[in-house]
Protein backbone atom coordinates (compact mmCIF):
# COMPACT_ATOMS: atom_id res chain seq x y z
CA MET A 1 10.56 -282.82 -116.91
CA THR A 2 11.34 -286.67 -117.48
CA HIS A 3 13.98 -288.01 -115.90
CA PHE A 4 14.79 -291.73 -117.76
CA LEU A 5 12.57 -291.08 -121.26
CA VAL A 6 13.83 -289.64 -124.18
CA ASN A 7 13.20 -285.71 -124.70
CA ALA A 8 14.18 -282.27 -126.42
CA GLU A 9 16.18 -282.12 -122.50
CA ASN A 10 17.33 -285.57 -122.22
CA PRO A 11 18.16 -286.68 -125.41
CA GLY A 12 19.98 -289.62 -123.92
CA GLY A 13 17.66 -291.26 -121.84
CA TYR A 14 15.82 -294.27 -122.90
CA LYS A 15 12.39 -295.29 -124.97
CA LEU A 16 9.54 -296.55 -122.42
CA GLU A 17 9.84 -299.80 -124.15
CA GLU A 18 13.52 -300.42 -123.33
CA ILE A 19 12.76 -299.41 -119.78
CA LEU A 20 9.75 -301.87 -119.96
CA MET A 21 11.96 -304.39 -121.20
CA ALA A 22 15.02 -303.84 -118.26
CA ILE A 23 12.41 -304.20 -115.49
CA ARG A 24 11.08 -306.80 -117.03
CA LYS A 25 14.49 -308.31 -117.35
CA GLU A 26 15.07 -307.90 -113.49
CA VAL A 27 11.48 -309.35 -111.99
CA ILE A 28 12.01 -312.79 -113.93
CA LEU A 29 16.04 -312.59 -112.74
CA ARG A 30 14.59 -312.69 -109.14
CA ALA A 31 11.63 -314.69 -109.62
CA THR A 32 14.28 -317.48 -110.88
CA LYS A 33 15.39 -317.26 -107.16
CA ILE A 34 12.64 -317.81 -105.46
CA VAL A 35 10.69 -320.56 -107.55
CA ASP A 36 12.21 -323.30 -105.44
CA ASP A 37 11.30 -321.57 -102.45
CA HIS A 38 8.35 -323.45 -101.86
CA ARG A 39 6.92 -321.51 -98.35
CA PRO A 40 3.76 -319.83 -98.95
CA GLU A 41 5.09 -315.98 -98.75
CA ALA A 42 7.82 -316.85 -101.54
CA HIS A 43 4.07 -319.11 -103.93
CA GLN A 44 2.36 -316.01 -103.22
CA VAL A 45 5.49 -313.28 -104.15
CA LEU A 46 5.88 -315.40 -107.21
CA GLU A 47 2.01 -315.31 -108.56
CA ASN A 48 2.46 -311.65 -107.98
CA ASN A 49 5.56 -311.67 -110.48
CA ILE A 50 3.86 -313.69 -113.22
CA LYS A 51 0.86 -311.03 -112.96
CA ILE A 52 3.48 -308.33 -113.06
CA LEU A 53 5.36 -310.13 -115.76
CA GLN A 54 1.84 -310.20 -118.06
CA LEU A 55 1.19 -306.54 -117.70
CA LEU A 56 4.58 -305.47 -117.98
CA SER A 57 4.89 -307.53 -121.44
CA ASP A 58 1.12 -305.83 -122.52
CA SER A 59 2.80 -302.63 -121.89
CA ILE A 60 5.69 -303.53 -123.94
CA MET A 61 3.56 -303.76 -126.78
CA LEU A 62 1.89 -301.16 -126.28
CA ALA A 63 4.61 -298.69 -125.77
CA GLU A 64 6.47 -300.35 -129.32
CA ASP A 65 3.00 -300.24 -131.27
CA SER A 66 3.38 -295.84 -130.09
CA SER A 67 6.77 -295.95 -131.03
CA ARG A 68 5.79 -297.12 -134.65
CA ILE A 69 2.90 -295.18 -135.15
CA LEU A 70 4.60 -291.84 -134.32
CA ASP A 71 7.40 -293.05 -136.80
CA LYS A 72 5.23 -294.21 -139.33
CA THR A 73 3.30 -291.03 -139.17
CA PHE A 74 5.91 -288.75 -138.11
CA GLY A 75 9.41 -290.04 -138.92
CA PRO A 76 11.94 -289.59 -136.52
CA PRO A 77 12.07 -286.81 -133.85
CA LYS A 78 13.33 -283.58 -135.81
CA ASP A 79 15.74 -280.87 -133.86
CA GLY A 80 14.45 -281.59 -130.47
CA GLN A 81 11.21 -280.96 -130.84
CA PRO A 82 7.85 -283.35 -129.82
CA ARG A 83 6.52 -284.95 -132.90
CA ILE A 84 2.68 -284.46 -130.98
CA GLY A 85 1.50 -282.82 -128.36
CA THR A 86 3.30 -279.67 -126.77
CA GLY A 87 6.85 -278.80 -126.19
């Protein structure tokens, strides 16, 4: 059972892309707080965050693509049943 993603047991959950967007926003906010810190450690953390942001953006695009495929092929979820795979 998932704790965050929407499914039959968790209809109030989130789409994967929504969670990833929220995480991306937090990383951006944290990065802006260290952008003027010129210590080497801060530079490395900032560089890591920039790489993480790109990976998150790529992941968001993949998750949105999967949602489009599911919506186009199977329509909206019905009666809490999975649109693909097994329940």
